[in-house]
N, C-alpha and C. Protein backbone atom coordinates (compact mmCIF):
# COMPACT_ATOMS: atom_id res chain seq x y z
N MET A 1 0.43 -3.78 -63.43
CA MET A 1 1.37 -4.23 -62.42
C MET A 1 1.74 -3.04 -61.54
N VAL A 2 1.70 -3.26 -60.26
CA VAL A 2 2.09 -2.24 -59.28
C VAL A 2 3.61 -2.27 -59.16
N THR A 3 4.24 -1.10 -59.11
CA THR A 3 5.68 -1.01 -58.88
C THR A 3 5.91 -0.35 -57.54
N ILE A 4 6.71 -1.00 -56.70
CA ILE A 4 7.04 -0.49 -55.37
C ILE A 4 8.53 -0.20 -55.32
N ASP A 5 8.88 1.00 -54.85
CA ASP A 5 10.28 1.37 -54.68
C ASP A 5 10.72 0.96 -53.28
N GLY A 6 11.55 -0.06 -53.19
CA GLY A 6 12.00 -0.61 -51.92
C GLY A 6 13.02 0.24 -51.19
N SER A 7 13.37 1.39 -51.76
CA SER A 7 14.35 2.25 -51.08
C SER A 7 13.68 3.34 -50.25
N GLN A 8 12.36 3.40 -50.30
CA GLN A 8 11.64 4.47 -49.60
C GLN A 8 11.68 4.28 -48.09
N HIS A 9 11.60 5.38 -47.39
CA HIS A 9 11.64 5.43 -45.91
C HIS A 9 12.91 4.74 -45.41
N SER A 10 12.79 3.71 -44.61
CA SER A 10 14.00 3.06 -44.08
C SER A 10 14.60 2.10 -45.09
N GLY A 11 13.84 1.75 -46.14
CA GLY A 11 14.36 0.84 -47.16
C GLY A 11 14.60 -0.55 -46.63
N SER A 12 13.77 -0.99 -45.70
CA SER A 12 14.00 -2.29 -45.06
C SER A 12 13.24 -3.41 -45.76
N GLY A 13 13.43 -4.62 -45.27
CA GLY A 13 12.73 -5.78 -45.79
C GLY A 13 11.25 -5.75 -45.50
N THR A 14 10.82 -4.88 -44.61
CA THR A 14 9.39 -4.75 -44.30
C THR A 14 8.62 -4.37 -45.56
N ILE A 15 9.19 -3.53 -46.38
CA ILE A 15 8.54 -3.13 -47.64
C ILE A 15 8.35 -4.36 -48.52
N VAL A 16 9.34 -5.23 -48.57
CA VAL A 16 9.25 -6.45 -49.37
C VAL A 16 8.12 -7.33 -48.85
N ARG A 17 8.11 -7.60 -47.56
CA ARG A 17 7.12 -8.52 -46.98
C ARG A 17 5.70 -7.96 -47.10
N TYR A 18 5.51 -6.70 -46.77
CA TYR A 18 4.17 -6.10 -46.84
C TYR A 18 3.68 -6.01 -48.28
N SER A 19 4.54 -5.65 -49.19
CA SER A 19 4.15 -5.53 -50.60
C SER A 19 3.63 -6.86 -51.13
N VAL A 20 4.37 -7.91 -50.88
CA VAL A 20 3.98 -9.23 -51.38
C VAL A 20 2.69 -9.70 -50.72
N ALA A 21 2.57 -9.52 -49.42
CA ALA A 21 1.36 -9.95 -48.72
C ALA A 21 0.13 -9.20 -49.23
N LEU A 22 0.25 -7.90 -49.41
CA LEU A 22 -0.89 -7.10 -49.85
C LEU A 22 -1.32 -7.42 -51.29
N VAL A 23 -0.36 -7.58 -52.18
CA VAL A 23 -0.75 -7.89 -53.56
C VAL A 23 -1.30 -9.31 -53.67
N ALA A 24 -0.87 -10.22 -52.80
CA ALA A 24 -1.46 -11.57 -52.79
C ALA A 24 -2.93 -11.48 -52.39
N LEU A 25 -3.23 -10.64 -51.39
CA LEU A 25 -4.62 -10.44 -50.97
C LEU A 25 -5.46 -9.77 -52.05
N LEU A 26 -4.87 -8.81 -52.74
CA LEU A 26 -5.57 -8.06 -53.78
C LEU A 26 -5.57 -8.78 -55.13
N HIS A 27 -4.77 -9.84 -55.23
CA HIS A 27 -4.61 -10.62 -56.45
C HIS A 27 -4.12 -9.74 -57.61
N GLU A 28 -3.08 -8.97 -57.33
CA GLU A 28 -2.46 -8.07 -58.31
C GLU A 28 -0.97 -8.37 -58.39
N PRO A 29 -0.37 -8.31 -59.56
CA PRO A 29 1.09 -8.50 -59.67
C PRO A 29 1.84 -7.27 -59.15
N VAL A 30 3.07 -7.50 -58.70
CA VAL A 30 3.90 -6.41 -58.20
C VAL A 30 5.33 -6.58 -58.69
N ARG A 31 5.98 -5.45 -58.88
CA ARG A 31 7.41 -5.40 -59.19
C ARG A 31 8.03 -4.54 -58.10
N VAL A 32 8.97 -5.09 -57.36
CA VAL A 32 9.65 -4.34 -56.31
C VAL A 32 11.05 -4.01 -56.82
N ILE A 33 11.38 -2.72 -56.82
CA ILE A 33 12.68 -2.26 -57.32
C ILE A 33 13.48 -1.64 -56.17
N ASN A 34 14.76 -1.48 -56.37
CA ASN A 34 15.65 -0.86 -55.37
C ASN A 34 15.52 -1.52 -54.00
N VAL A 35 15.47 -2.84 -53.98
CA VAL A 35 15.25 -3.58 -52.74
C VAL A 35 16.35 -3.28 -51.72
N ARG A 36 15.93 -2.76 -50.56
CA ARG A 36 16.81 -2.48 -49.43
C ARG A 36 18.03 -1.64 -49.85
N ARG A 37 17.82 -0.68 -50.72
CA ARG A 37 18.92 0.14 -51.25
C ARG A 37 19.61 0.96 -50.17
N ASN A 38 18.91 1.32 -49.12
CA ASN A 38 19.50 2.15 -48.07
C ASN A 38 20.23 1.35 -46.99
N ARG A 39 20.35 0.07 -47.17
CA ARG A 39 20.99 -0.79 -46.16
C ARG A 39 22.44 -1.05 -46.52
N ALA A 40 23.22 -1.41 -45.50
CA ALA A 40 24.64 -1.75 -45.73
C ALA A 40 24.75 -2.96 -46.66
N GLN A 41 23.93 -3.97 -46.40
CA GLN A 41 23.86 -5.14 -47.28
C GLN A 41 22.60 -4.98 -48.14
N ARG A 42 22.79 -4.45 -49.32
CA ARG A 42 21.66 -4.17 -50.19
C ARG A 42 21.10 -5.44 -50.80
N GLY A 43 19.87 -5.34 -51.26
CA GLY A 43 19.22 -6.47 -51.93
C GLY A 43 18.57 -7.43 -50.95
N LEU A 44 17.98 -8.47 -51.53
CA LEU A 44 17.28 -9.46 -50.71
C LEU A 44 18.25 -10.30 -49.90
N ARG A 45 17.88 -10.58 -48.68
CA ARG A 45 18.61 -11.51 -47.82
C ARG A 45 17.84 -12.83 -47.84
N THR A 46 18.42 -13.85 -47.26
CA THR A 46 17.81 -15.18 -47.25
C THR A 46 16.41 -15.16 -46.66
N GLN A 47 16.21 -14.44 -45.55
CA GLN A 47 14.90 -14.42 -44.90
C GLN A 47 13.83 -13.73 -45.77
N HIS A 48 14.23 -12.77 -46.59
CA HIS A 48 13.28 -12.11 -47.47
C HIS A 48 12.84 -13.05 -48.59
N VAL A 49 13.80 -13.75 -49.16
CA VAL A 49 13.48 -14.73 -50.21
C VAL A 49 12.54 -15.80 -49.64
N ALA A 50 12.84 -16.28 -48.43
CA ALA A 50 12.00 -17.31 -47.80
C ALA A 50 10.58 -16.81 -47.56
N SER A 51 10.42 -15.58 -47.14
CA SER A 51 9.08 -15.05 -46.87
C SER A 51 8.29 -14.87 -48.17
N VAL A 52 8.94 -14.44 -49.23
CA VAL A 52 8.26 -14.29 -50.52
C VAL A 52 7.87 -15.66 -51.07
N LEU A 53 8.75 -16.66 -50.93
CA LEU A 53 8.42 -18.01 -51.39
C LEU A 53 7.27 -18.61 -50.59
N ALA A 54 7.21 -18.32 -49.29
CA ALA A 54 6.11 -18.82 -48.46
C ALA A 54 4.79 -18.21 -48.92
N CYS A 55 4.79 -16.94 -49.20
CA CYS A 55 3.59 -16.28 -49.68
C CYS A 55 3.21 -16.81 -51.07
N ALA A 56 4.19 -17.07 -51.90
CA ALA A 56 3.94 -17.63 -53.23
C ALA A 56 3.28 -19.00 -53.13
N ALA A 57 3.68 -19.80 -52.16
CA ALA A 57 3.08 -21.12 -51.96
C ALA A 57 1.61 -21.00 -51.57
N LEU A 58 1.27 -19.96 -50.83
CA LEU A 58 -0.12 -19.76 -50.39
C LEU A 58 -1.07 -19.38 -51.52
N CYS A 59 -0.53 -18.72 -52.54
CA CYS A 59 -1.43 -18.24 -53.60
C CYS A 59 -1.00 -18.70 -55.00
N GLY A 60 -0.11 -19.67 -55.07
CA GLY A 60 0.31 -20.19 -56.37
C GLY A 60 0.96 -19.16 -57.26
N ALA A 61 1.73 -18.26 -56.66
CA ALA A 61 2.35 -17.17 -57.41
C ALA A 61 3.58 -17.63 -58.19
N SER A 62 3.87 -16.88 -59.22
CA SER A 62 5.13 -17.05 -59.93
C SER A 62 6.02 -15.86 -59.58
N THR A 63 7.31 -16.09 -59.57
CA THR A 63 8.26 -15.02 -59.24
C THR A 63 9.34 -14.96 -60.31
N GLU A 64 9.94 -13.81 -60.41
CA GLU A 64 11.08 -13.62 -61.30
C GLU A 64 12.09 -12.75 -60.58
N GLY A 65 13.38 -13.10 -60.68
CA GLY A 65 14.42 -12.30 -60.06
C GLY A 65 14.51 -12.48 -58.55
N LEU A 66 13.96 -13.56 -58.03
CA LEU A 66 13.92 -13.78 -56.58
C LEU A 66 15.11 -14.63 -56.15
N TYR A 67 16.16 -13.98 -55.68
CA TYR A 67 17.35 -14.67 -55.19
C TYR A 67 18.08 -13.74 -54.22
N VAL A 68 18.90 -14.32 -53.39
CA VAL A 68 19.66 -13.53 -52.41
C VAL A 68 20.53 -12.51 -53.15
N GLU A 69 20.50 -11.28 -52.67
CA GLU A 69 21.22 -10.12 -53.20
C GLU A 69 20.53 -9.47 -54.41
N SER A 70 19.39 -9.99 -54.83
CA SER A 70 18.65 -9.37 -55.93
C SER A 70 18.17 -7.99 -55.50
N HIS A 71 18.19 -7.05 -56.42
CA HIS A 71 17.75 -5.68 -56.15
C HIS A 71 16.36 -5.41 -56.73
N GLU A 72 15.81 -6.42 -57.44
CA GLU A 72 14.52 -6.24 -58.09
C GLU A 72 13.89 -7.61 -58.33
N PHE A 73 12.57 -7.72 -58.10
CA PHE A 73 11.88 -8.97 -58.39
C PHE A 73 10.42 -8.68 -58.71
N THR A 74 9.78 -9.67 -59.33
CA THR A 74 8.34 -9.59 -59.58
C THR A 74 7.65 -10.75 -58.89
N PHE A 75 6.39 -10.52 -58.54
CA PHE A 75 5.56 -11.50 -57.85
C PHE A 75 4.18 -11.43 -58.49
N VAL A 76 3.75 -12.54 -59.10
CA VAL A 76 2.47 -12.57 -59.80
C VAL A 76 1.61 -13.67 -59.18
N PRO A 77 0.60 -13.29 -58.38
CA PRO A 77 -0.27 -14.29 -57.77
C PRO A 77 -0.97 -15.13 -58.85
N GLY A 78 -1.07 -16.44 -58.61
CA GLY A 78 -1.69 -17.33 -59.59
C GLY A 78 -3.12 -17.69 -59.25
N ALA A 79 -3.48 -17.60 -57.99
CA ALA A 79 -4.83 -18.00 -57.55
C ALA A 79 -5.14 -17.27 -56.26
N ARG A 80 -6.34 -17.40 -55.83
CA ARG A 80 -6.72 -16.83 -54.53
C ARG A 80 -5.96 -17.59 -53.44
N ILE A 81 -5.76 -16.95 -52.32
CA ILE A 81 -5.04 -17.56 -51.21
C ILE A 81 -5.81 -18.79 -50.73
N SER A 82 -5.06 -19.87 -50.52
CA SER A 82 -5.68 -21.11 -50.07
C SER A 82 -5.06 -21.56 -48.76
N GLY A 83 -5.83 -22.31 -48.00
CA GLY A 83 -5.34 -22.84 -46.73
C GLY A 83 -4.60 -24.15 -46.96
N GLY A 84 -4.17 -24.73 -45.90
CA GLY A 84 -3.47 -26.00 -46.00
C GLY A 84 -2.33 -26.09 -44.99
N THR A 85 -1.54 -27.10 -45.14
CA THR A 85 -0.37 -27.29 -44.29
C THR A 85 0.87 -26.89 -45.09
N PHE A 86 1.63 -25.99 -44.54
CA PHE A 86 2.82 -25.50 -45.24
C PHE A 86 4.04 -25.66 -44.37
């Protein structure tokens, strides 16, 4: 499992979105820690949760710890990315 520190550089939600998208493509699980630690409102916001759930729908991923204000979550792709209507 890859571990990504979400507090690095600007510590923004971009780390969350890119991490999930890349591991879905690589079909590797990821654990993101210290989510948005450098921000005034730390942790996941609604839009971050929505983007991770959208990516999970594309690849049948399972998630743990994925909720608003969470500081850590895991994303485990279940299948190769599939097309469809979402």
